[in-house]
Amino acid sequence: MKYNHIGIPTRSRFDNEIELPHLKMTVSDHQDNAFGIQWQRYWDDAPYPELVKQVPHVAFEVDDLEQALAGHKILIAPNSPSPGLTVAFIEVNGAPVELMQYDKNN
């Protein structure tokens, strides 16, 4: 696994917001800082578990998402938020963790 970012939920607006209507959330660019900090504001009708919407998560890139999910409680099933990327959320010791698999062809 390779660290990608930390996602921190907030209810407040933040600088340089990026609206993602298809995900019903607004984010900051985690690549604009050396630590991969991403602010996330979930819209009122965002269909995600409260744990994901309220507790910060750490995201890791994995080579085999299916294998990385094995044996874990899945909070958000694998899905593709953007072309070439598949993600899923699991729960580890009461905290959400995002697992990300990039298409090797992209």
C-alpha atoms as a PDB file:
ATOM      1  CA  MET A   1       0.000   0.000   0.000  1.00  0.00           C
ATOM      2  CA  LYS A   2       1.055   3.542  -0.696  1.00  0.00           C
ATOM      3  CA  TYR A   3      -0.264   6.617   1.141  1.00  0.00           C
ATOM      4  CA  ASN A   4      -2.360   8.922  -1.081  1.00  0.00           C
ATOM      5  CA  HIS A   5      -4.213  11.422   1.132  1.00  0.00           C
ATOM      6  CA  ILE A   6      -6.094  12.147   4.323  1.00  0.00           C
ATOM      7  CA  GLY A   7      -9.691  13.248   3.868  1.00  0.00           C
ATOM      8  CA  ILE A   8     -11.064  15.567   6.540  1.00  0.00           C
ATOM      9  CA  PRO A   9     -14.824  16.157   6.584  1.00  0.00           C
ATOM     10  CA  THR A  10     -16.042  19.674   7.288  1.00  0.00           C
ATOM     11  CA  ARG A  11     -19.321  21.563   7.164  1.00  0.00           C
ATOM     12  CA  SER A  12     -17.557  24.846   6.387  1.00  0.00           C
ATOM     13  CA  ARG A  13     -16.612  26.219   2.990  1.00  0.00           C
ATOM     14  CA  PHE A  14     -12.888  26.253   2.163  1.00  0.00           C
ATOM     15  CA  ASP A  15     -10.556  27.861  -0.376  1.00  0.00           C
ATOM     16  CA  ASN A  16     -10.424  26.529  -3.937  1.00  0.00           C
ATOM     17  CA  GLU A  17     -13.425  24.221  -3.592  1.00  0.00           C
ATOM     18  CA  ILE A  18     -13.934  21.619  -6.300  1.00  0.00           C
ATOM     19  CA  GLU A  19     -17.583  20.627  -6.710  1.00  0.00           C
ATOM     20  CA  LEU A  20     -18.227  17.004  -7.627  1.00  0.00           C
ATOM     21  CA  PRO A  21     -21.975  16.866  -8.362  1.00  0.00           C
ATOM     22  CA  HIS A  22     -21.900  13.189  -9.389  1.00  0.00           C
ATOM     23  CA  LEU A  23     -20.510  12.379  -5.903  1.00  0.00           C
ATOM     24  CA  LYS A  24     -22.640  14.973  -4.054  1.00  0.00           C
ATOM     25  CA  MET A  25     -19.617  16.492  -2.364  1.00  0.00           C
ATOM     26  CA  THR A  26     -17.077  19.294  -2.567  1.00  0.00           C
ATOM     27  CA  VAL A  27     -13.349  18.690  -2.070  1.00  0.00           C
ATOM     28  CA  SER A  28     -10.021  20.484  -2.024  1.00  0.00           C
ATOM     29  CA  ASP A  29      -7.069  19.325  -4.113  1.00  0.00           C
ATOM     30  CA  HIS A  30      -4.964  17.012  -1.944  1.00  0.00           C
ATOM     31  CA  GLN A  31      -2.028  17.545  -4.308  1.00  0.00           C
ATOM     32  CA  ASP A  32      -1.744  21.259  -3.468  1.00  0.00           C
ATOM     33  CA  ASN A  33       0.138  20.493  -0.240  1.00  0.00           C
ATOM     34  CA  ALA A  34       3.034  18.215   0.659  1.00  0.00           C
ATOM     35  CA  PHE A  35       0.990  16.140   3.107  1.00  0.00           C
ATOM     36  CA  GLY A  36      -1.976  15.154   0.927  1.00  0.00           C
ATOM     37  CA  ILE A  37      -4.597  16.900   3.075  1.00  0.00           C
ATOM     38  CA  GLN A  38      -8.005  17.028   1.400  1.00  0.00           C
ATOM     39  CA  TRP A  39     -10.977  18.874   2.862  1.00  0.00           C
ATOM     40  CA  GLN A  40     -14.355  17.318   2.077  1.00  0.00           C
ATOM     41  CA  ARG A  41     -17.806  18.840   2.426  1.00  0.00           C
ATOM     42  CA  TYR A  42     -20.604  16.350   1.866  1.00  0.00           C
ATOM     43  CA  TRP A  43     -23.865  17.674   0.458  1.00  0.00           C
ATOM     44  CA  ASP A  44     -27.053  17.156   2.478  1.00  0.00           C
ATOM     45  CA  ASP A  45     -28.246  14.376   0.172  1.00  0.00           C
ATOM     46  CA  ALA A  46     -24.862  12.594  -0.104  1.00  0.00           C
ATOM     47  CA  PRO A  47     -25.586   8.846   0.155  1.00  0.00           C
ATOM     48  CA  TYR A  48     -22.621   7.849   2.300  1.00  0.00           C
ATOM     49  CA  PRO A  49     -22.395   6.257   5.758  1.00  0.00           C
ATOM     50  CA  GLU A  50     -22.242   8.754   8.627  1.00  0.00           C
ATOM     51  CA  LEU A  51     -18.851   7.348   9.635  1.00  0.00           C
ATOM     52  CA  VAL A  52     -17.424   8.425   6.270  1.00  0.00           C
ATOM     53  CA  LYS A  53     -19.137  11.828   6.372  1.00  0.00           C
ATOM     54  CA  GLN A  54     -18.036  12.649   9.929  1.00  0.00           C
ATOM     55  CA  VAL A  55     -14.691  10.959  10.653  1.00  0.00           C
ATOM     56  CA  PRO A  56     -11.419  11.700   8.796  1.00  0.00           C
ATOM     57  CA  HIS A  57     -10.102   8.876   6.653  1.00  0.00           C
ATOM     58  CA  VAL A  58      -6.702   7.880   5.307  1.00  0.00           C
ATOM     59  CA  ALA A  59      -6.496   6.760   1.682  1.00  0.00           C
ATOM     60  CA  PHE A  60      -4.033   4.243   0.306  1.00  0.00           C
ATOM     61  CA  GLU A  61      -3.289   3.148  -3.239  1.00  0.00           C
ATOM     62  CA  VAL A  62      -3.359  -0.630  -3.685  1.00  0.00           C
ATOM     63  CA  ASP A  63      -2.416  -2.877  -6.592  1.00  0.00           C
ATOM     64  CA  ASP A  64      -5.352  -5.283  -6.130  1.00  0.00           C
ATOM     65  CA  LEU A  65      -8.470  -3.735  -4.621  1.00  0.00           C
ATOM     66  CA  GLU A  66     -10.374  -7.012  -4.393  1.00  0.00           C
ATOM     67  CA  GLN A  67      -7.531  -8.625  -2.465  1.00  0.00           C
ATOM     68  CA  ALA A  68      -7.120  -5.572  -0.194  1.00  0.00           C
ATOM     69  CA  LEU A  69     -10.844  -5.679   0.698  1.00  0.00           C
ATOM     70  CA  ALA A  70     -10.778  -9.341   1.742  1.00  0.00           C
ATOM     71  CA  GLY A  71     -11.728  -9.848   5.371  1.00  0.00           C
ATOM     72  CA  HIS A  72     -12.690  -6.210   6.023  1.00  0.00           C
ATOM     73  CA  LYS A  73     -16.042  -4.607   6.777  1.00  0.00           C
ATOM     74  CA  ILE A  74     -16.959  -2.706   3.601  1.00  0.00           C
ATOM     75  CA  LEU A  75     -18.541   0.723   4.163  1.00  0.00           C
ATOM     76  CA  ILE A  76     -18.710   1.770   0.506  1.00  0.00           C
ATOM     77  CA  ALA A  77     -18.532  -0.903  -2.183  1.00  0.00           C
ATOM     78  CA  PRO A  78     -16.047  -0.566  -5.039  1.00  0.00           C
ATOM     79  CA  ASN A  79     -17.014   2.205  -7.445  1.00  0.00           C
ATOM     80  CA  SER A  80     -15.370   4.461 -10.006  1.00  0.00           C
ATOM     81  CA  PRO A  81     -15.526   8.163  -9.076  1.00  0.00           C
ATOM     82  CA  SER A  82     -13.397   9.094 -12.103  1.00  0.00           C
ATOM     83  CA  PRO A  83     -12.034   7.321 -15.192  1.00  0.00           C
ATOM     84  CA  GLY A  84      -9.160   4.988 -14.423  1.00  0.00           C
ATOM     85  CA  LEU A  85      -9.803   4.861 -10.670  1.00  0.00           C
ATOM     86  CA  THR A  86     -11.749   2.402  -8.524  1.00  0.00           C
ATOM     87  CA  VAL A  87     -12.212   3.073  -4.812  1.00  0.00           C
ATOM     88  CA  ALA A  88     -13.856   1.467  -1.806  1.00  0.00           C
ATOM     89  CA  PHE A  89     -14.106   2.318   1.890  1.00  0.00           C
ATOM     90  CA  ILE A  90     -13.584  -0.126   4.721  1.00  0.00           C
ATOM     91  CA  GLU A  91     -13.812   0.221   8.487  1.00  0.00           C
ATOM     92  CA  VAL A  92     -10.646  -0.424  10.507  1.00  0.00           C
ATOM     93  CA  ASN A  93     -10.788  -0.132  14.308  1.00  0.00           C
ATOM     94  CA  GLY A  94     -13.822   2.165  14.055  1.00  0.00           C
ATOM     95  CA  ALA A  95     -12.319   4.478  11.431  1.00  0.00           C
ATOM     96  CA  PRO A  96     -12.950   4.718   7.693  1.00  0.00           C
ATOM     97  CA  VAL A  97     -10.105   3.840   5.333  1.00  0.00           C
ATOM     98  CA  GLU A  98     -10.214   4.444   1.582  1.00  0.00           C
ATOM     99  CA  LEU A  99      -8.546   1.966  -0.747  1.00  0.00           C
ATOM    100  CA  MET A 100      -7.776   3.176  -4.268  1.00  0.00           C
ATOM    101  CA  GLN A 101      -6.779   1.184  -7.338  1.00  0.00           C
ATOM    102  CA  TYR A 102      -5.590   3.067 -10.426  1.00  0.00           C
ATOM    103  CA  ASP A 103      -6.001   1.440 -13.813  1.00  0.00           C
ATOM    104  CA  LYS A 104      -2.508   0.448 -14.860  1.00  0.00           C
ATOM    105  CA  ASN A 105      -3.349   1.436 -18.450  1.00  0.00           C
ATOM    106  CA  ASN A 106      -3.871   5.112 -17.541  1.00  0.00           C
END
